[in-house]
Amino acid sequence: MRDDKTLNVAIGITGSFGKINEILPMLKNMLLKKYTLKLFATEAIKQHPEYVKEIESILGENTIYSIKEAEPFGPKKFFDCMLIAPCSGNTLSKLANAITDNAVLMAAKSTLRNSRPVILGVSSNDALGLNGANLMKLLVTKNIYFIPFGQDNPEEKPNSLVADFSKTEDTMRYALMNKQIQPIIIVNKKRDDLA
């Protein structure tokens, strides 16, 4: 990413619980690179305290859950970028419609206000359903970038999209250069007929 300084990254975690384990190695790798990470989470994450405990032990500090705690980071222009991963369909729709009702969305709003990139790692069972309009709206929104995504189970969940979290840091690198990594829509290689 940037060679002249370590990155300050806001990390937003939302309620797509099944994918949280996939971001833990990514966070560890960022810390090895001396990035400064600050964790913001939606209240839904409190339903799974085991995830919160593990992430806080990795980062060495507490999670921010309230809008009041998140708000001061904006005026300070503290973050170089924000990563929301996993980004649930609920968060996707709120962000697309300028709703700021939790700490993750407040941090995202502050990052965008400062003309800095927000990177989304979508994980939603409805991204190709009613939420599709919100996905498309964000795809053309300035300073919002997507980790490449694809259908994770098109036979049983045809409206579901999930990011390839292994491409997170590459996506961040491109976003910091104001570019969307390509291809953005990927084919899920796990399907037997594509092996």
N, C-alpha and C. Protein backbone atom coordinates (compact mmCIF):
# COMPACT_ATOMS: atom_id res chain seq x y z
N MET A 1 0.84 -1.18 0.00
CA MET A 1 0.00 0.00 0.00
C MET A 1 0.88 1.24 0.00
N ARG A 2 0.80 2.11 0.99
CA ARG A 2 1.65 3.28 1.01
C ARG A 2 2.95 2.95 1.73
N ASP A 3 4.08 3.35 1.11
CA ASP A 3 5.38 3.02 1.69
C ASP A 3 5.82 4.06 2.71
N ASP A 4 5.28 5.28 2.60
CA ASP A 4 5.80 6.37 3.41
C ASP A 4 5.22 6.41 4.83
N LYS A 5 4.18 5.62 5.09
CA LYS A 5 3.61 5.63 6.43
C LYS A 5 2.75 4.40 6.63
N THR A 6 2.52 4.10 7.88
CA THR A 6 1.58 3.02 8.15
C THR A 6 0.17 3.54 7.98
N LEU A 7 -0.72 2.65 7.66
CA LEU A 7 -2.10 3.06 7.42
C LEU A 7 -2.92 3.06 8.70
N ASN A 8 -3.80 4.03 8.81
CA ASN A 8 -4.81 4.04 9.86
C ASN A 8 -6.12 3.58 9.22
N VAL A 9 -6.62 2.43 9.67
CA VAL A 9 -7.77 1.81 9.01
C VAL A 9 -8.90 1.62 10.01
N ALA A 10 -10.07 2.12 9.65
CA ALA A 10 -11.28 1.82 10.42
C ALA A 10 -11.82 0.49 9.93
N ILE A 11 -12.09 -0.40 10.86
CA ILE A 11 -12.65 -1.71 10.53
C ILE A 11 -14.08 -1.75 11.04
N GLY A 12 -15.02 -1.98 10.13
CA GLY A 12 -16.42 -2.10 10.51
C GLY A 12 -16.89 -3.53 10.36
N ILE A 13 -17.47 -4.09 11.40
CA ILE A 13 -17.98 -5.47 11.35
C ILE A 13 -19.47 -5.44 11.60
N THR A 14 -20.21 -6.06 10.71
CA THR A 14 -21.66 -6.08 10.82
C THR A 14 -22.16 -7.51 10.99
N GLY A 15 -23.47 -7.68 10.94
CA GLY A 15 -24.09 -8.91 11.41
C GLY A 15 -24.06 -10.14 10.55
N SER A 16 -23.15 -10.24 9.58
CA SER A 16 -23.05 -11.46 8.78
C SER A 16 -22.11 -12.43 9.49
N PHE A 17 -22.63 -13.07 10.52
CA PHE A 17 -21.79 -13.82 11.46
C PHE A 17 -20.99 -14.95 10.82
N GLY A 18 -21.55 -15.60 9.80
CA GLY A 18 -20.89 -16.75 9.20
C GLY A 18 -19.57 -16.43 8.55
N LYS A 19 -19.31 -15.16 8.27
CA LYS A 19 -18.09 -14.77 7.57
C LYS A 19 -17.05 -14.11 8.46
N ILE A 20 -17.38 -13.91 9.73
CA ILE A 20 -16.44 -13.20 10.61
C ILE A 20 -15.11 -13.94 10.73
N ASN A 21 -15.14 -15.27 10.80
CA ASN A 21 -13.89 -16.03 10.91
C ASN A 21 -12.96 -15.80 9.73
N GLU A 22 -13.52 -15.46 8.57
CA GLU A 22 -12.69 -15.23 7.39
C GLU A 22 -11.91 -13.93 7.45
N ILE A 23 -12.34 -13.00 8.29
CA ILE A 23 -11.61 -11.73 8.35
C ILE A 23 -10.53 -11.72 9.43
N LEU A 24 -10.55 -12.71 10.33
CA LEU A 24 -9.56 -12.72 11.41
C LEU A 24 -8.12 -12.82 10.89
N PRO A 25 -7.81 -13.72 9.95
CA PRO A 25 -6.43 -13.76 9.42
C PRO A 25 -6.04 -12.46 8.74
N MET A 26 -6.99 -11.81 8.08
CA MET A 26 -6.75 -10.54 7.41
C MET A 26 -6.34 -9.47 8.42
N LEU A 27 -7.05 -9.41 9.56
CA LEU A 27 -6.72 -8.43 10.59
C LEU A 27 -5.32 -8.69 11.15
N LYS A 28 -5.00 -9.95 11.38
CA LYS A 28 -3.67 -10.30 11.90
C LYS A 28 -2.58 -9.87 10.93
N ASN A 29 -2.82 -10.07 9.64
CA ASN A 29 -1.83 -9.69 8.63
C ASN A 29 -1.64 -8.18 8.58
N MET A 30 -2.72 -7.42 8.73
CA MET A 30 -2.60 -5.97 8.74
C MET A 30 -1.79 -5.49 9.93
N LEU A 31 -1.98 -6.13 11.07
CA LEU A 31 -1.22 -5.75 12.25
C LEU A 31 0.27 -6.07 12.09
N LEU A 32 0.57 -7.17 11.41
CA LEU A 32 1.96 -7.50 11.12
C LEU A 32 2.62 -6.42 10.27
N LYS A 33 1.82 -5.76 9.44
CA LYS A 33 2.33 -4.68 8.60
C LYS A 33 2.31 -3.34 9.31
N LYS A 34 2.00 -3.38 10.60
CA LYS A 34 2.03 -2.18 11.46
C LYS A 34 0.91 -1.19 11.15
N TYR A 35 -0.18 -1.66 10.57
CA TYR A 35 -1.33 -0.77 10.38
C TYR A 35 -1.94 -0.48 11.75
N THR A 36 -2.51 0.70 11.89
CA THR A 36 -3.29 1.03 13.07
C THR A 36 -4.74 0.73 12.75
N LEU A 37 -5.35 -0.17 13.52
CA LEU A 37 -6.72 -0.60 13.27
C LEU A 37 -7.62 -0.17 14.42
N LYS A 38 -8.79 0.34 14.07
CA LYS A 38 -9.80 0.70 15.07
C LYS A 38 -11.09 0.00 14.69
N LEU A 39 -11.65 -0.73 15.62
CA LEU A 39 -12.81 -1.57 15.34
C LEU A 39 -14.12 -0.90 15.72
N PHE A 40 -15.04 -0.88 14.75
CA PHE A 40 -16.41 -0.41 14.95
C PHE A 40 -17.33 -1.58 14.64
N ALA A 41 -18.39 -1.73 15.41
CA ALA A 41 -19.30 -2.87 15.18
C ALA A 41 -20.73 -2.46 15.43
N THR A 42 -21.64 -3.18 14.79
CA THR A 42 -23.06 -2.98 15.04
C THR A 42 -23.45 -3.74 16.31
N GLU A 43 -24.54 -3.35 16.90
CA GLU A 43 -25.01 -3.99 18.13
C GLU A 43 -25.27 -5.49 17.94
N ALA A 44 -25.60 -5.89 16.72
CA ALA A 44 -25.90 -7.30 16.46
C ALA A 44 -24.73 -8.21 16.80
N ILE A 45 -23.51 -7.69 16.71
CA ILE A 45 -22.33 -8.50 16.99
C ILE A 45 -22.29 -8.92 18.46
N LYS A 46 -22.92 -8.15 19.33
CA LYS A 46 -22.92 -8.49 20.76
C LYS A 46 -23.61 -9.82 21.03
N GLN A 47 -24.39 -10.30 20.06
CA GLN A 47 -25.03 -11.61 20.22
C GLN A 47 -24.01 -12.74 20.16
N HIS A 48 -22.82 -12.42 19.70
CA HIS A 48 -21.75 -13.42 19.58
C HIS A 48 -20.49 -12.90 20.28
N PRO A 49 -20.52 -12.89 21.61
CA PRO A 49 -19.39 -12.32 22.36
C PRO A 49 -18.06 -13.03 22.10
N GLU A 50 -18.12 -14.29 21.66
CA GLU A 50 -16.88 -15.01 21.39
C GLU A 50 -16.10 -14.36 20.23
N TYR A 51 -16.83 -13.86 19.23
CA TYR A 51 -16.16 -13.17 18.12
C TYR A 51 -15.56 -11.86 18.60
N VAL A 52 -16.33 -11.13 19.38
CA VAL A 52 -15.86 -9.84 19.88
C VAL A 52 -14.60 -10.03 20.72
N LYS A 53 -14.62 -11.02 21.60
CA LYS A 53 -13.47 -11.27 22.47
C LYS A 53 -12.22 -11.60 21.66
N GLU A 54 -12.39 -12.43 20.63
CA GLU A 54 -11.23 -12.82 19.82
C GLU A 54 -10.69 -11.63 19.02
N ILE A 55 -11.58 -10.84 18.43
CA ILE A 55 -11.12 -9.70 17.65
C ILE A 55 -10.46 -8.66 18.54
N GLU A 56 -11.05 -8.41 19.71
CA GLU A 56 -10.44 -7.44 20.63
C GLU A 56 -9.09 -7.93 21.13
N SER A 57 -8.93 -9.23 21.30
CA SER A 57 -7.63 -9.75 21.73
C SER A 57 -6.59 -9.59 20.63
N ILE A 58 -7.02 -9.69 19.37
CA ILE A 58 -6.11 -9.48 18.25
C ILE A 58 -5.69 -8.01 18.16
N LEU A 59 -6.67 -7.11 18.29
CA LEU A 59 -6.39 -5.68 18.14
C LEU A 59 -5.84 -5.04 19.40
N GLY A 60 -6.11 -5.64 20.54
CA GLY A 60 -5.61 -5.10 21.79
C GLY A 60 -6.36 -3.89 22.30
N GLU A 61 -7.59 -3.71 21.84
CA GLU A 61 -8.40 -2.61 22.35
C GLU A 61 -9.88 -2.92 22.19
N ASN A 62 -10.70 -2.07 22.81
CA ASN A 62 -12.14 -2.32 22.83
C ASN A 62 -12.82 -1.87 21.54
N THR A 63 -13.97 -2.49 21.30
CA THR A 63 -14.79 -2.18 20.13
C THR A 63 -15.64 -0.94 20.40
N ILE A 64 -15.85 -0.14 19.36
CA ILE A 64 -16.74 1.02 19.45
C ILE A 64 -18.10 0.62 18.89
N TYR A 65 -19.13 0.79 19.73
CA TYR A 65 -20.49 0.42 19.34
C TYR A 65 -21.42 1.62 19.18
N SER A 66 -21.06 2.74 19.77
CA SER A 66 -22.01 3.87 19.80
C SER A 66 -21.64 4.96 18.80
N ILE A 67 -22.67 5.63 18.31
CA ILE A 67 -22.47 6.77 17.40
C ILE A 67 -21.67 7.85 18.11
N LYS A 68 -21.95 8.07 19.37
CA LYS A 68 -21.26 9.11 20.14
C LYS A 68 -19.75 8.87 20.18
N GLU A 69 -19.35 7.61 20.36
CA GLU A 69 -17.92 7.29 20.40
C GLU A 69 -17.28 7.36 19.02
N ALA A 70 -18.08 7.06 17.99
CA ALA A 70 -17.54 7.02 16.62
C ALA A 70 -17.39 8.40 16.00
N GLU A 71 -18.25 9.31 16.39
CA GLU A 71 -18.33 10.62 15.73
C GLU A 71 -17.04 11.44 15.75
N PRO A 72 -16.27 11.48 16.84
CA PRO A 72 -15.09 12.35 16.87
C PRO A 72 -14.00 12.00 15.85
N PHE A 73 -14.00 10.78 15.32
CA PHE A 73 -12.95 10.40 14.38
C PHE A 73 -13.04 11.17 13.07
N GLY A 74 -14.25 11.60 12.69
CA GLY A 74 -14.43 12.32 11.43
C GLY A 74 -13.69 13.64 11.38
N PRO A 75 -13.96 14.55 12.31
CA PRO A 75 -13.27 15.86 12.28
C PRO A 75 -11.75 15.74 12.39
N LYS A 76 -11.27 14.69 13.03
CA LYS A 76 -9.82 14.50 13.18
C LYS A 76 -9.17 13.96 11.91
N LYS A 77 -10.00 13.51 10.96
CA LYS A 77 -9.49 12.90 9.72
C LYS A 77 -8.47 11.82 10.04
N PHE A 78 -8.84 10.97 10.96
CA PHE A 78 -7.91 9.98 11.51
C PHE A 78 -7.62 8.84 10.53
N PHE A 79 -8.62 8.42 9.74
CA PHE A 79 -8.47 7.21 8.94
C PHE A 79 -8.08 7.48 7.50
N ASP A 80 -7.19 6.65 7.00
CA ASP A 80 -6.84 6.68 5.58
C ASP A 80 -7.91 6.00 4.74
N CYS A 81 -8.58 5.02 5.33
CA CYS A 81 -9.66 4.32 4.64
C CYS A 81 -10.47 3.55 5.69
N MET A 82 -11.61 3.04 5.25
CA MET A 82 -12.43 2.20 6.12
C MET A 82 -12.76 0.92 5.37
N LEU A 83 -12.70 -0.18 6.09
CA LEU A 83 -13.08 -1.48 5.56
C LEU A 83 -14.28 -1.99 6.34
N ILE A 84 -15.38 -2.25 5.64
CA ILE A 84 -16.54 -2.86 6.28
C ILE A 84 -16.63 -4.29 5.78
N ALA A 85 -16.30 -5.24 6.64
CA ALA A 85 -16.25 -6.64 6.25
C ALA A 85 -16.43 -7.53 7.48
N PRO A 86 -17.41 -8.39 7.49
CA PRO A 86 -18.42 -8.53 6.44
C PRO A 86 -19.42 -7.38 6.48
N CYS A 87 -19.89 -7.02 5.28
CA CYS A 87 -20.91 -5.98 5.14
C CYS A 87 -22.24 -6.65 4.84
N SER A 88 -23.12 -6.65 5.81
CA SER A 88 -24.43 -7.31 5.67
C SER A 88 -25.32 -6.55 4.71
N GLY A 89 -26.38 -7.20 4.26
CA GLY A 89 -27.36 -6.54 3.40
C GLY A 89 -28.02 -5.36 4.09
N ASN A 90 -28.24 -5.47 5.39
CA ASN A 90 -28.84 -4.38 6.15
C ASN A 90 -27.95 -3.14 6.13
N THR A 91 -26.65 -3.35 6.36
CA THR A 91 -25.70 -2.24 6.32
C THR A 91 -25.59 -1.67 4.92
N LEU A 92 -25.58 -2.54 3.93
CA LEU A 92 -25.52 -2.12 2.53
C LEU A 92 -26.68 -1.17 2.20
N SER A 93 -27.88 -1.56 2.62
CA SER A 93 -29.06 -0.74 2.31
C SER A 93 -29.04 0.59 3.07
N LYS A 94 -28.61 0.56 4.32
CA LYS A 94 -28.55 1.82 5.08
C LYS A 94 -27.51 2.77 4.51
N LEU A 95 -26.35 2.25 4.16
CA LEU A 95 -25.30 3.10 3.59
C LEU A 95 -25.76 3.72 2.27
N ALA A 96 -26.43 2.93 1.45
CA ALA A 96 -26.91 3.43 0.15
C ALA A 96 -27.96 4.51 0.30
N ASN A 97 -28.66 4.51 1.43
CA ASN A 97 -29.76 5.46 1.64
C ASN A 97 -29.45 6.49 2.73
N ALA A 98 -28.15 6.66 3.01
CA ALA A 98 -27.67 7.71 3.93
C ALA A 98 -28.27 7.61 5.32
N ILE A 99 -28.49 6.40 5.80
CA ILE A 99 -28.98 6.18 7.16
C ILE A 99 -27.77 5.96 8.07
N THR A 100 -27.69 6.73 9.14
CA THR A 100 -26.57 6.63 10.07
C THR A 100 -27.11 6.34 11.45
N ASP A 101 -27.30 5.07 11.76
CA ASP A 101 -27.91 4.72 13.05
C ASP A 101 -27.06 3.77 13.88
N ASN A 102 -25.77 3.64 13.54
CA ASN A 102 -24.86 2.84 14.37
C ASN A 102 -23.43 3.31 14.15
N ALA A 103 -22.52 2.76 14.93
CA ALA A 103 -21.12 3.22 14.91
C ALA A 103 -20.44 2.95 13.57
N VAL A 104 -20.74 1.80 12.95
CA VAL A 104 -20.12 1.47 11.66
C VAL A 104 -20.51 2.50 10.60
N LEU A 105 -21.80 2.81 10.54
CA LEU A 105 -22.26 3.77 9.55
C LEU A 105 -21.76 5.19 9.83
N MET A 106 -21.63 5.54 11.09
CA MET A 106 -21.07 6.85 11.43
C MET A 106 -19.61 6.94 10.99
N ALA A 107 -18.85 5.89 11.23
CA ALA A 107 -17.44 5.89 10.80
C ALA A 107 -17.35 5.94 9.28
N ALA A 108 -18.25 5.23 8.59
CA ALA A 108 -18.26 5.26 7.13
C ALA A 108 -18.60 6.66 6.62
N LYS A 109 -19.60 7.27 7.22
CA LYS A 109 -20.00 8.62 6.83
C LYS A 109 -18.84 9.60 7.02
N SER A 110 -18.13 9.48 8.13
CA SER A 110 -16.99 10.36 8.41
C SER A 110 -15.87 10.15 7.39
N THR A 111 -15.61 8.90 7.05
CA THR A 111 -14.55 8.58 6.09
C THR A 111 -14.89 9.16 4.72
N LEU A 112 -16.14 9.00 4.29
CA LEU A 112 -16.56 9.55 3.01
C LEU A 112 -16.54 11.07 3.01
N ARG A 113 -16.92 11.66 4.13
CA ARG A 113 -16.91 13.12 4.24
C ARG A 113 -15.50 13.67 4.04
N ASN A 114 -14.52 12.89 4.44
CA ASN A 114 -13.13 13.29 4.30
C ASN A 114 -12.54 12.88 2.95
N SER A 115 -13.40 12.43 2.03
CA SER A 115 -12.99 12.02 0.67
C SER A 115 -11.97 10.90 0.70
N ARG A 116 -12.19 9.97 1.61
CA ARG A 116 -11.31 8.81 1.71
C ARG A 116 -12.11 7.54 1.44
N PRO A 117 -11.46 6.49 0.95
CA PRO A 117 -12.20 5.31 0.48
C PRO A 117 -12.83 4.47 1.58
N VAL A 118 -14.02 3.97 1.26
CA VAL A 118 -14.69 2.96 2.08
C VAL A 118 -14.76 1.70 1.23
N ILE A 119 -14.22 0.61 1.76
CA ILE A 119 -14.15 -0.66 1.05
C ILE A 119 -15.17 -1.61 1.66
N LEU A 120 -16.01 -2.20 0.81
CA LEU A 120 -17.08 -3.08 1.30
C LEU A 120 -16.79 -4.53 0.92
N GLY A 121 -16.91 -5.41 1.90
CA GLY A 121 -16.84 -6.85 1.68
C GLY A 121 -18.22 -7.42 1.88
N VAL A 122 -19.00 -7.42 0.82
CA VAL A 122 -20.42 -7.76 0.92
C VAL A 122 -20.62 -9.23 1.31
N SER A 123 -21.60 -9.46 2.16
CA SER A 123 -22.02 -10.81 2.53
C SER A 123 -23.51 -10.72 2.84
N SER A 124 -24.32 -10.99 1.80
CA SER A 124 -25.75 -10.78 1.93
C SER A 124 -26.54 -11.84 1.16
N ASN A 125 -27.55 -12.37 1.82
CA ASN A 125 -28.44 -13.34 1.16
C ASN A 125 -29.42 -12.68 0.21
N ASP A 126 -29.45 -11.33 0.19
CA ASP A 126 -30.45 -10.61 -0.61
C ASP A 126 -29.81 -9.59 -1.56
N ALA A 127 -28.52 -9.72 -1.82
CA ALA A 127 -27.84 -8.72 -2.65
C ALA A 127 -28.33 -8.72 -4.10
N LEU A 128 -28.87 -9.85 -4.56
CA LEU A 128 -29.43 -9.91 -5.91
C LEU A 128 -30.95 -9.92 -5.88
N GLY A 129 -31.53 -9.63 -4.71
CA GLY A 129 -32.97 -9.52 -4.56
C GLY A 129 -33.34 -8.05 -4.42
N LEU A 130 -34.17 -7.75 -3.42
CA LEU A 130 -34.58 -6.36 -3.22
C LEU A 130 -33.40 -5.43 -2.94
N ASN A 131 -32.34 -5.99 -2.36
CA ASN A 131 -31.18 -5.18 -2.03
C ASN A 131 -30.31 -4.88 -3.25
N GLY A 132 -30.63 -5.49 -4.38
CA GLY A 132 -29.85 -5.27 -5.58
C GLY A 132 -29.78 -3.80 -5.99
N ALA A 133 -30.87 -3.08 -5.79
CA ALA A 133 -30.87 -1.65 -6.13
C ALA A 133 -29.86 -0.89 -5.29
N ASN A 134 -29.73 -1.27 -4.02
CA ASN A 134 -28.76 -0.60 -3.14
C ASN A 134 -27.32 -0.96 -3.54
N LEU A 135 -27.11 -2.21 -3.91
CA LEU A 135 -25.78 -2.62 -4.38
C LEU A 135 -25.37 -1.80 -5.59
N MET A 136 -26.27 -1.67 -6.56
CA MET A 136 -25.95 -0.92 -7.78
C MET A 136 -25.72 0.56 -7.48
N LYS A 137 -26.48 1.09 -6.56
CA LYS A 137 -26.31 2.50 -6.17
C LYS A 137 -24.91 2.73 -5.59
N LEU A 138 -24.46 1.81 -4.76
CA LEU A 138 -23.14 1.96 -4.14
C LEU A 138 -22.00 1.69 -5.13
N LEU A 139 -22.25 0.83 -6.12
CA LEU A 139 -21.22 0.55 -7.12
C LEU A 139 -20.82 1.79 -7.90
N VAL A 140 -21.72 2.77 -8.00
CA VAL A 140 -21.41 3.99 -8.75
C VAL A 140 -21.23 5.20 -7.83
N THR A 141 -21.08 4.95 -6.54
CA THR A 141 -20.89 6.04 -5.57
C THR A 141 -19.41 6.34 -5.40
N LYS A 142 -19.07 7.60 -5.47
CA LYS A 142 -17.68 8.03 -5.34
C LYS A 142 -17.09 7.60 -3.99
N ASN A 143 -15.87 7.11 -4.04
CA ASN A 143 -15.09 6.71 -2.86
C ASN A 143 -15.60 5.44 -2.18
N ILE A 144 -16.49 4.70 -2.84
CA ILE A 144 -16.89 3.38 -2.32
C ILE A 144 -16.37 2.32 -3.28
N TYR A 145 -15.71 1.32 -2.72
CA TYR A 145 -15.08 0.27 -3.51
C TYR A 145 -15.49 -1.08 -2.95
N PHE A 146 -15.52 -2.08 -3.80
CA PHE A 146 -15.96 -3.41 -3.40
C PHE A 146 -14.84 -4.44 -3.52
N ILE A 147 -14.72 -5.27 -2.49
CA ILE A 147 -13.94 -6.48 -2.62
C ILE A 147 -14.68 -7.35 -3.64
N PRO A 148 -13.97 -7.94 -4.61
CA PRO A 148 -14.65 -8.76 -5.61
C PRO A 148 -15.59 -9.79 -4.97
N PHE A 149 -16.75 -9.95 -5.57
CA PHE A 149 -17.78 -10.81 -4.99
C PHE A 149 -18.41 -11.71 -6.05
N GLY A 150 -19.08 -12.76 -5.58
CA GLY A 150 -19.78 -13.66 -6.47
C GLY A 150 -20.86 -14.42 -5.71
N GLN A 151 -21.63 -15.18 -6.46
CA GLN A 151 -22.68 -16.01 -5.85
C GLN A 151 -22.01 -17.18 -5.13
N ASP A 152 -22.34 -17.35 -3.86
CA ASP A 152 -21.73 -18.42 -3.08
C ASP A 152 -22.49 -19.73 -3.17
N ASN A 153 -23.78 -19.67 -3.48
CA ASN A 153 -24.59 -20.89 -3.56
C ASN A 153 -25.79 -20.62 -4.47
N PRO A 154 -25.54 -20.49 -5.80
CA PRO A 154 -26.61 -20.06 -6.70
C PRO A 154 -27.79 -21.02 -6.81
N GLU A 155 -27.56 -22.29 -6.54
CA GLU A 155 -28.66 -23.25 -6.62
C GLU A 155 -29.65 -23.09 -5.47
N GLU A 156 -29.13 -22.96 -4.27
CA GLU A 156 -30.00 -22.90 -3.09
C GLU A 156 -30.27 -21.47 -2.63
N LYS A 157 -29.34 -20.53 -2.91
CA LYS A 157 -29.51 -19.13 -2.50
C LYS A 157 -29.18 -18.22 -3.69
N PRO A 158 -30.05 -18.18 -4.69
CA PRO A 158 -29.72 -17.44 -5.92
C PRO A 158 -29.56 -15.94 -5.74
N ASN A 159 -30.04 -15.37 -4.66
CA ASN A 159 -29.90 -13.93 -4.44
C ASN A 159 -28.69 -13.56 -3.59
N SER A 160 -27.92 -14.55 -3.16
CA SER A 160 -26.82 -14.34 -2.22
C SER A 160 -25.52 -13.98 -2.94
N LEU A 161 -24.82 -13.00 -2.39
CA LEU A 161 -23.48 -12.63 -2.85
C LEU A 161 -22.53 -12.59 -1.67
N VAL A 162 -21.31 -13.05 -1.88
CA VAL A 162 -20.28 -13.01 -0.83
C VAL A 162 -18.96 -12.58 -1.45
N ALA A 163 -18.26 -11.70 -0.73
CA ALA A 163 -16.94 -11.23 -1.18
C ALA A 163 -15.91 -12.33 -1.03
N ASP A 164 -14.88 -12.25 -1.86
CA ASP A 164 -13.70 -13.11 -1.72
C ASP A 164 -12.73 -12.36 -0.81
N PHE A 165 -12.79 -12.66 0.49
CA PHE A 165 -12.04 -11.89 1.47
C PHE A 165 -10.53 -12.02 1.32
N SER A 166 -10.07 -13.01 0.54
CA SER A 166 -8.63 -13.13 0.30
C SER A 166 -8.12 -11.96 -0.56
N LYS A 167 -9.03 -11.24 -1.20
CA LYS A 167 -8.65 -10.11 -2.06
C LYS A 167 -8.78 -8.77 -1.34
N THR A 168 -8.94 -8.81 -0.03
CA THR A 168 -9.18 -7.58 0.74
C THR A 168 -8.05 -6.57 0.62
N GLU A 169 -6.84 -6.99 0.89
CA GLU A 169 -5.74 -6.02 0.89
C GLU A 169 -5.42 -5.50 -0.50
N ASP A 170 -5.58 -6.34 -1.53
CA ASP A 170 -5.41 -5.86 -2.90
C ASP A 170 -6.46 -4.80 -3.22
N THR A 171 -7.70 -5.04 -2.77
CA THR A 171 -8.77 -4.06 -3.00
C THR A 171 -8.46 -2.75 -2.30
N MET A 172 -7.95 -2.83 -1.07
CA MET A 172 -7.58 -1.62 -0.33
C MET A 172 -6.49 -0.85 -1.07
N ARG A 173 -5.50 -1.57 -1.58
CA ARG A 173 -4.40 -0.91 -2.28
C ARG A 173 -4.92 -0.12 -3.48
N TYR A 174 -5.79 -0.75 -4.26
CA TYR A 174 -6.38 -0.07 -5.40
C TYR A 174 -7.23 1.13 -4.96
N ALA A 175 -8.04 0.92 -3.93
CA ALA A 175 -8.93 1.99 -3.46
C ALA A 175 -8.15 3.22 -3.03
N LEU A 176 -6.99 3.01 -2.41
CA LEU A 176 -6.16 4.13 -1.99
C LEU A 176 -5.56 4.89 -3.18
N MET A 177 -5.63 4.27 -4.36
CA MET A 177 -5.23 4.95 -5.60
C MET A 177 -6.47 5.40 -6.38
N ASN A 178 -7.63 5.37 -5.71
CA ASN A 178 -8.90 5.77 -6.33
C ASN A 178 -9.29 4.88 -7.51
N LYS A 179 -9.01 3.58 -7.37
CA LYS A 179 -9.34 2.63 -8.42
C LYS A 179 -10.10 1.44 -7.83
N GLN A 180 -11.02 0.91 -8.62
CA GLN A 180 -11.74 -0.30 -8.24
C GLN A 180 -10.99 -1.49 -8.82
N ILE A 181 -10.60 -2.43 -7.96
CA ILE A 181 -9.94 -3.63 -8.45
C ILE A 181 -10.89 -4.38 -9.38
N GLN A 182 -10.32 -5.00 -10.39
CA GLN A 182 -11.11 -5.76 -11.37
C GLN A 182 -10.55 -7.18 -11.50
N PRO A 183 -11.37 -8.14 -11.89
CA PRO A 183 -12.81 -8.02 -12.07
C PRO A 183 -13.51 -7.93 -10.72
N ILE A 184 -14.61 -7.22 -10.70
CA ILE A 184 -15.36 -7.04 -9.46
C ILE A 184 -16.33 -8.19 -9.23
N ILE A 185 -16.83 -8.77 -10.31
CA ILE A 185 -17.73 -9.92 -10.20
C ILE A 185 -16.95 -11.17 -10.57
N ILE A 186 -16.89 -12.11 -9.65
CA ILE A 186 -16.07 -13.30 -9.85
C ILE A 186 -16.93 -14.55 -9.85
N VAL A 187 -16.38 -15.61 -10.41
CA VAL A 187 -17.05 -16.90 -10.44
C VAL A 187 -16.60 -17.71 -9.25
N ASN A 188 -17.55 -18.31 -8.56
CA ASN A 188 -17.22 -19.14 -7.42
C ASN A 188 -16.61 -20.44 -7.93
N LYS A 189 -15.35 -20.65 -7.60
CA LYS A 189 -14.62 -21.82 -8.10
C LYS A 189 -14.94 -23.10 -7.34
N LYS A 190 -15.71 -22.99 -6.25
CA LYS A 190 -15.97 -24.16 -5.41
C LYS A 190 -17.00 -25.10 -6.01
N ARG A 191 -17.76 -24.62 -6.99
CA ARG A 191 -18.78 -25.47 -7.57
C ARG A 191 -18.14 -26.63 -8.34
N ASP A 192 -18.70 -27.83 -8.18
CA ASP A 192 -18.12 -29.04 -8.76
C ASP A 192 -17.95 -28.95 -10.27
N ASP A 193 -18.93 -28.31 -10.96
CA ASP A 193 -18.87 -28.25 -12.42
C ASP A 193 -17.83 -27.25 -12.92
N LEU A 194 -17.21 -26.47 -12.00
CA LEU A 194 -16.18 -25.52 -12.40
C LEU A 194 -14.79 -25.94 -11.94
N ALA A 195 -14.73 -27.08 -11.24
CA ALA A 195 -13.44 -27.52 -10.68
C ALA A 195 -12.51 -28.01 -11.78
